[in-house]
Amino acid sequence: MEVMKKSKDVDEYIESFPKEMQRLLEQVRTTIKKTAPASEETISYGMSAYRFHGMLVYFAGYKNHLGFYAIPSGHEAFKKELSKYKMGKGSVQFPLDQPLPLKLIAKIVKFRVRENLRKAKAIKK
């Protein structure tokens, strides 16, 4: 079930999906919030999104997969670990019939936090 209507926040976005997808989206949300507690939760491009010194990651629910978007750099850095999933330039699709790779998602979020901090420090100099 693709939901492209505009949600006002991540709670509303997640609630717009069937119960099983809600459970998966909440797992990803919790993983991101634990890994990047200072990040700001928002809706961007109609998806759940997280900012910390710039955009970190996005995620979205679809009929047959959960989409995860770590901007191209996050996917490039973890290309080997993500290779068993269907990928686009800046996206990866986690099938609904497999456990979500939450530890890998946390590693990617940590990578993006470090990357954004480096960029922010470079801009200040």
N, C-alpha and C. Protein backbone atom coordinates (compact mmCIF):
# COMPACT_ATOMS: atom_id res chain seq x y z
N MET A 1 0.85 -1.19 0.00
CA MET A 1 0.00 0.00 0.00
C MET A 1 0.88 1.24 0.00
N GLU A 2 0.94 1.94 -1.11
CA GLU A 2 1.71 3.18 -1.16
C GLU A 2 0.82 4.31 -0.71
N VAL A 3 1.32 5.11 0.21
CA VAL A 3 0.58 6.25 0.69
C VAL A 3 1.35 7.49 0.29
N MET A 4 0.79 8.26 -0.63
CA MET A 4 1.48 9.45 -1.09
C MET A 4 0.77 10.71 -0.61
N LYS A 5 -0.28 10.56 0.21
CA LYS A 5 -0.92 11.77 0.73
C LYS A 5 0.04 12.42 1.72
N LYS A 6 -0.09 13.71 1.89
CA LYS A 6 0.82 14.47 2.72
C LYS A 6 0.50 14.25 4.20
N SER A 7 1.43 13.66 4.92
CA SER A 7 1.28 13.49 6.35
C SER A 7 1.89 14.69 7.05
N LYS A 8 1.30 15.10 8.18
CA LYS A 8 1.83 16.27 8.88
C LYS A 8 3.04 15.92 9.74
N ASP A 9 3.15 14.66 10.14
CA ASP A 9 4.30 14.23 10.93
C ASP A 9 4.51 12.72 10.77
N VAL A 10 5.56 12.23 11.38
CA VAL A 10 5.91 10.81 11.22
C VAL A 10 4.86 9.91 11.87
N ASP A 11 4.29 10.32 12.98
CA ASP A 11 3.23 9.52 13.60
C ASP A 11 2.08 9.30 12.62
N GLU A 12 1.62 10.39 12.01
CA GLU A 12 0.52 10.29 11.05
C GLU A 12 0.91 9.45 9.84
N TYR A 13 2.15 9.62 9.39
CA TYR A 13 2.64 8.85 8.25
C TYR A 13 2.56 7.35 8.55
N ILE A 14 3.11 6.94 9.69
CA ILE A 14 3.14 5.52 10.06
C ILE A 14 1.72 4.99 10.26
N GLU A 15 0.86 5.78 10.88
CA GLU A 15 -0.51 5.34 11.14
C GLU A 15 -1.32 5.14 9.87
N SER A 16 -0.86 5.69 8.74
CA SER A 16 -1.59 5.56 7.48
C SER A 16 -1.41 4.19 6.82
N PHE A 17 -0.58 3.33 7.41
CA PHE A 17 -0.30 2.01 6.84
C PHE A 17 -1.01 0.91 7.62
N PRO A 18 -1.14 -0.27 7.00
CA PRO A 18 -1.68 -1.43 7.71
C PRO A 18 -0.79 -1.79 8.92
N LYS A 19 -1.37 -2.48 9.87
CA LYS A 19 -0.70 -2.78 11.15
C LYS A 19 0.69 -3.41 10.99
N GLU A 20 0.84 -4.39 10.13
CA GLU A 20 2.14 -5.05 9.99
C GLU A 20 3.21 -4.08 9.47
N MET A 21 2.85 -3.25 8.50
CA MET A 21 3.81 -2.26 8.00
C MET A 21 4.10 -1.22 9.09
N GLN A 22 3.10 -0.85 9.86
CA GLN A 22 3.32 0.09 10.96
C GLN A 22 4.39 -0.45 11.92
N ARG A 23 4.30 -1.74 12.21
CA ARG A 23 5.26 -2.36 13.13
C ARG A 23 6.68 -2.26 12.57
N LEU A 24 6.84 -2.53 11.28
CA LEU A 24 8.16 -2.46 10.64
C LEU A 24 8.68 -1.02 10.59
N LEU A 25 7.81 -0.09 10.23
CA LEU A 25 8.21 1.31 10.18
C LEU A 25 8.64 1.80 11.57
N GLU A 26 7.92 1.38 12.60
CA GLU A 26 8.28 1.77 13.98
C GLU A 26 9.64 1.19 14.38
N GLN A 27 9.95 -0.02 13.92
CA GLN A 27 11.26 -0.61 14.22
C GLN A 27 12.38 0.24 13.63
N VAL A 28 12.19 0.67 12.39
CA VAL A 28 13.21 1.51 11.75
C VAL A 28 13.29 2.86 12.45
N ARG A 29 12.14 3.43 12.75
CA ARG A 29 12.10 4.73 13.45
C ARG A 29 12.85 4.64 14.78
N THR A 30 12.55 3.64 15.57
CA THR A 30 13.20 3.46 16.87
C THR A 30 14.70 3.30 16.71
N THR A 31 15.12 2.52 15.72
CA THR A 31 16.55 2.31 15.47
C THR A 31 17.24 3.64 15.14
N ILE A 32 16.63 4.44 14.30
CA ILE A 32 17.22 5.73 13.92
C ILE A 32 17.28 6.66 15.14
N LYS A 33 16.20 6.72 15.90
CA LYS A 33 16.15 7.63 17.05
C LYS A 33 17.15 7.23 18.14
N LYS A 34 17.35 5.92 18.33
CA LYS A 34 18.34 5.46 19.31
C LYS A 34 19.76 5.76 18.82
N THR A 35 19.99 5.62 17.53
CA THR A 35 21.31 5.81 16.96
C THR A 35 21.68 7.28 16.81
N ALA A 36 20.70 8.11 16.51
CA ALA A 36 20.92 9.55 16.32
C ALA A 36 19.90 10.33 17.14
N PRO A 37 20.03 10.28 18.49
CA PRO A 37 19.01 10.90 19.35
C PRO A 37 18.86 12.40 19.16
N ALA A 38 19.89 13.07 18.68
CA ALA A 38 19.80 14.53 18.48
C ALA A 38 19.18 14.89 17.13
N SER A 39 18.85 13.89 16.32
CA SER A 39 18.29 14.19 15.00
C SER A 39 16.87 14.72 15.14
N GLU A 40 16.46 15.48 14.14
CA GLU A 40 15.12 16.04 14.08
C GLU A 40 14.28 15.19 13.12
N GLU A 41 13.13 14.77 13.60
CA GLU A 41 12.23 13.95 12.80
C GLU A 41 11.30 14.87 12.01
N THR A 42 11.11 14.57 10.73
CA THR A 42 10.28 15.40 9.89
C THR A 42 9.70 14.57 8.74
N ILE A 43 8.89 15.20 7.92
CA ILE A 43 8.41 14.59 6.68
C ILE A 43 9.06 15.36 5.54
N SER A 44 9.68 14.65 4.63
CA SER A 44 10.31 15.27 3.47
C SER A 44 10.08 14.36 2.27
N TYR A 45 9.73 14.93 1.15
CA TYR A 45 9.39 14.16 -0.05
C TYR A 45 8.30 13.12 0.25
N GLY A 46 7.43 13.43 1.21
CA GLY A 46 6.33 12.54 1.56
C GLY A 46 6.74 11.32 2.35
N MET A 47 7.98 11.33 2.88
CA MET A 47 8.51 10.18 3.64
C MET A 47 8.96 10.63 5.03
N SER A 48 9.15 9.66 5.91
CA SER A 48 9.77 9.92 7.21
C SER A 48 11.22 10.29 6.94
N ALA A 49 11.68 11.37 7.59
CA ALA A 49 13.03 11.83 7.34
C ALA A 49 13.66 12.32 8.65
N TYR A 50 14.99 12.29 8.68
CA TYR A 50 15.73 12.69 9.87
C TYR A 50 16.85 13.63 9.48
N ARG A 51 16.97 14.73 10.24
CA ARG A 51 17.98 15.76 9.99
C ARG A 51 18.93 15.85 11.17
N PHE A 52 20.19 16.02 10.87
CA PHE A 52 21.20 16.32 11.88
C PHE A 52 22.34 16.97 11.12
N HIS A 53 22.47 18.28 11.22
CA HIS A 53 23.44 19.03 10.41
C HIS A 53 23.24 18.70 8.93
N GLY A 54 21.99 18.70 8.51
CA GLY A 54 21.63 18.31 7.15
C GLY A 54 20.84 17.01 7.19
N MET A 55 20.35 16.59 6.05
CA MET A 55 19.56 15.37 6.00
C MET A 55 20.44 14.15 6.29
N LEU A 56 19.90 13.24 7.08
CA LEU A 56 20.60 11.98 7.40
C LEU A 56 20.06 10.85 6.54
N VAL A 57 18.82 10.46 6.82
CA VAL A 57 18.20 9.33 6.14
C VAL A 57 16.70 9.56 6.02
N TYR A 58 16.09 8.78 5.13
CA TYR A 58 14.65 8.76 4.94
C TYR A 58 14.23 7.28 4.96
N PHE A 59 12.95 7.03 5.26
CA PHE A 59 12.41 5.69 5.04
C PHE A 59 10.94 5.80 4.67
N ALA A 60 10.45 4.77 3.97
CA ALA A 60 9.08 4.81 3.49
C ALA A 60 8.52 3.39 3.36
N GLY A 61 7.22 3.29 3.52
CA GLY A 61 6.54 2.02 3.36
C GLY A 61 5.94 1.88 1.97
N TYR A 62 6.01 0.69 1.43
CA TYR A 62 5.43 0.37 0.12
C TYR A 62 4.71 -0.97 0.23
N LYS A 63 4.05 -1.36 -0.82
CA LYS A 63 3.26 -2.59 -0.80
C LYS A 63 4.11 -3.83 -0.49
N ASN A 64 5.28 -3.97 -1.13
CA ASN A 64 6.08 -5.18 -1.00
C ASN A 64 7.44 -4.99 -0.35
N HIS A 65 7.75 -3.76 0.06
CA HIS A 65 9.05 -3.52 0.68
C HIS A 65 9.02 -2.26 1.55
N LEU A 66 10.07 -2.11 2.32
CA LEU A 66 10.30 -0.89 3.07
C LEU A 66 11.50 -0.21 2.41
N GLY A 67 11.33 1.02 1.99
CA GLY A 67 12.40 1.75 1.33
C GLY A 67 13.24 2.50 2.34
N PHE A 68 14.55 2.46 2.17
CA PHE A 68 15.48 3.17 3.06
C PHE A 68 16.41 3.97 2.17
N TYR A 69 16.58 5.24 2.53
CA TYR A 69 17.33 6.17 1.69
C TYR A 69 18.36 6.89 2.55
N ALA A 70 19.62 6.56 2.36
CA ALA A 70 20.70 7.17 3.14
C ALA A 70 21.55 8.07 2.25
N ILE A 71 20.89 8.75 1.33
CA ILE A 71 21.59 9.59 0.38
C ILE A 71 22.66 8.68 -0.26
N PRO A 72 23.12 8.94 -1.42
CA PRO A 72 24.02 7.96 -2.05
C PRO A 72 25.23 7.54 -1.22
N SER A 73 25.80 8.44 -0.43
CA SER A 73 27.03 8.09 0.31
C SER A 73 26.83 6.95 1.30
N GLY A 74 25.70 6.92 1.98
CA GLY A 74 25.44 5.85 2.94
C GLY A 74 25.32 4.50 2.28
N HIS A 75 24.77 4.48 1.08
CA HIS A 75 24.64 3.22 0.36
C HIS A 75 25.97 2.79 -0.23
N GLU A 76 26.72 3.75 -0.72
CA GLU A 76 28.03 3.45 -1.31
C GLU A 76 28.96 2.86 -0.26
N ALA A 77 28.96 3.43 0.94
CA ALA A 77 29.85 2.97 2.01
C ALA A 77 29.51 1.57 2.49
N PHE A 78 28.28 1.15 2.32
CA PHE A 78 27.84 -0.17 2.80
C PHE A 78 27.37 -1.05 1.64
N LYS A 79 27.95 -0.82 0.48
CA LYS A 79 27.55 -1.53 -0.74
C LYS A 79 27.59 -3.04 -0.56
N LYS A 80 28.64 -3.55 0.07
CA LYS A 80 28.79 -5.00 0.24
C LYS A 80 27.66 -5.56 1.12
N GLU A 81 27.41 -4.92 2.26
CA GLU A 81 26.37 -5.40 3.18
C GLU A 81 24.97 -5.29 2.57
N LEU A 82 24.77 -4.29 1.72
CA LEU A 82 23.46 -4.07 1.11
C LEU A 82 23.25 -4.83 -0.19
N SER A 83 24.30 -5.50 -0.68
CA SER A 83 24.26 -6.12 -2.01
C SER A 83 23.17 -7.19 -2.17
N LYS A 84 22.70 -7.77 -1.08
CA LYS A 84 21.66 -8.79 -1.21
C LYS A 84 20.26 -8.20 -1.36
N TYR A 85 20.17 -6.86 -1.31
CA TYR A 85 18.89 -6.18 -1.45
C TYR A 85 18.83 -5.45 -2.78
N LYS A 86 17.63 -5.21 -3.27
CA LYS A 86 17.44 -4.43 -4.48
C LYS A 86 17.79 -2.98 -4.16
N MET A 87 18.66 -2.38 -4.99
CA MET A 87 19.11 -1.02 -4.73
C MET A 87 18.99 -0.13 -5.95
N GLY A 88 18.80 1.15 -5.68
CA GLY A 88 18.86 2.19 -6.69
C GLY A 88 20.03 3.09 -6.32
N LYS A 89 20.16 4.24 -6.97
CA LYS A 89 21.30 5.12 -6.71
C LYS A 89 21.37 5.54 -5.23
N GLY A 90 20.26 5.91 -4.67
CA GLY A 90 20.27 6.34 -3.27
C GLY A 90 19.24 5.62 -2.43
N SER A 91 18.84 4.43 -2.87
CA SER A 91 17.79 3.72 -2.16
C SER A 91 18.11 2.24 -2.03
N VAL A 92 17.48 1.64 -1.04
CA VAL A 92 17.56 0.18 -0.89
C VAL A 92 16.16 -0.28 -0.49
N GLN A 93 15.78 -1.44 -0.99
CA GLN A 93 14.47 -2.01 -0.69
C GLN A 93 14.63 -3.23 0.21
N PHE A 94 14.05 -3.16 1.40
CA PHE A 94 14.06 -4.30 2.30
C PHE A 94 12.73 -5.04 2.12
N PRO A 95 12.77 -6.29 1.62
CA PRO A 95 11.53 -7.04 1.39
C PRO A 95 10.80 -7.31 2.70
N LEU A 96 9.49 -7.34 2.62
CA LEU A 96 8.67 -7.52 3.82
C LEU A 96 8.69 -8.95 4.34
N ASP A 97 9.16 -9.89 3.53
CA ASP A 97 9.17 -11.29 3.96
C ASP A 97 10.50 -11.70 4.59
N GLN A 98 11.37 -10.72 4.88
CA GLN A 98 12.66 -10.98 5.55
C GLN A 98 12.77 -10.06 6.76
N PRO A 99 13.51 -10.49 7.79
CA PRO A 99 13.71 -9.60 8.94
C PRO A 99 14.45 -8.33 8.50
N LEU A 100 14.07 -7.21 9.08
CA LEU A 100 14.76 -5.96 8.77
C LEU A 100 16.19 -6.00 9.33
N PRO A 101 17.16 -5.51 8.59
CA PRO A 101 18.55 -5.50 9.07
C PRO A 101 18.80 -4.27 9.97
N LEU A 102 18.21 -4.28 11.16
CA LEU A 102 18.24 -3.11 12.03
C LEU A 102 19.65 -2.73 12.46
N LYS A 103 20.52 -3.71 12.69
CA LYS A 103 21.90 -3.40 13.07
C LYS A 103 22.62 -2.69 11.92
N LEU A 104 22.36 -3.13 10.70
CA LEU A 104 22.96 -2.49 9.53
C LEU A 104 22.40 -1.07 9.36
N ILE A 105 21.11 -0.91 9.57
CA ILE A 105 20.52 0.43 9.49
C ILE A 105 21.19 1.34 10.51
N ALA A 106 21.40 0.85 11.72
CA ALA A 106 22.07 1.66 12.76
C ALA A 106 23.49 2.03 12.33
N LYS A 107 24.22 1.10 11.73
CA LYS A 107 25.58 1.40 11.26
C LYS A 107 25.57 2.48 10.19
N ILE A 108 24.60 2.41 9.29
CA ILE A 108 24.49 3.41 8.22
C ILE A 108 24.14 4.78 8.81
N VAL A 109 23.23 4.81 9.77
CA VAL A 109 22.86 6.08 10.41
C VAL A 109 24.07 6.68 11.12
N LYS A 110 24.84 5.86 11.85
CA LYS A 110 26.06 6.35 12.52
C LYS A 110 27.03 6.93 11.51
N PHE A 111 27.20 6.24 10.39
CA PHE A 111 28.07 6.72 9.32
C PHE A 111 27.60 8.09 8.83
N ARG A 112 26.29 8.24 8.59
CA ARG A 112 25.76 9.51 8.09
C ARG A 112 25.90 10.62 9.13
N VAL A 113 25.73 10.31 10.42
CA VAL A 113 25.91 11.32 11.48
C VAL A 113 27.35 11.82 11.44
N ARG A 114 28.32 10.89 11.40
CA ARG A 114 29.74 11.29 11.34
C ARG A 114 30.02 12.11 10.10
N GLU A 115 29.47 11.69 8.98
CA GLU A 115 29.67 12.41 7.72
C GLU A 115 29.13 13.84 7.81
N ASN A 116 27.92 13.99 8.35
CA ASN A 116 27.34 15.33 8.47
C ASN A 116 28.09 16.20 9.47
N LEU A 117 28.60 15.60 10.53
CA LEU A 117 29.41 16.36 11.50
C LEU A 117 30.70 16.86 10.86
N ARG A 118 31.35 16.00 10.07
CA ARG A 118 32.58 16.41 9.36
C ARG A 118 32.29 17.58 8.42
N LYS A 119 31.20 17.49 7.69
CA LYS A 119 30.82 18.56 6.75
C LYS A 119 30.54 19.85 7.51
N ALA A 120 29.82 19.75 8.62
CA ALA A 120 29.48 20.94 9.41
C ALA A 120 30.74 21.61 9.96
N LYS A 121 31.71 20.81 10.44
CA LYS A 121 32.97 21.36 10.96
C LYS A 121 33.77 22.01 9.83
N ALA A 122 33.77 21.40 8.66
CA ALA A 122 34.50 21.95 7.52
C ALA A 122 33.92 23.29 7.10
N ILE A 123 32.60 23.42 7.18
CA ILE A 123 31.95 24.68 6.81
C ILE A 123 32.31 25.79 7.79
N LYS A 124 32.42 25.43 9.08
CA LYS A 124 32.74 26.42 10.12
C LYS A 124 34.16 26.98 9.96
N LYS A 125 35.07 26.19 9.38
CA LYS A 125 36.47 26.61 9.26
C LYS A 125 36.67 27.68 8.23
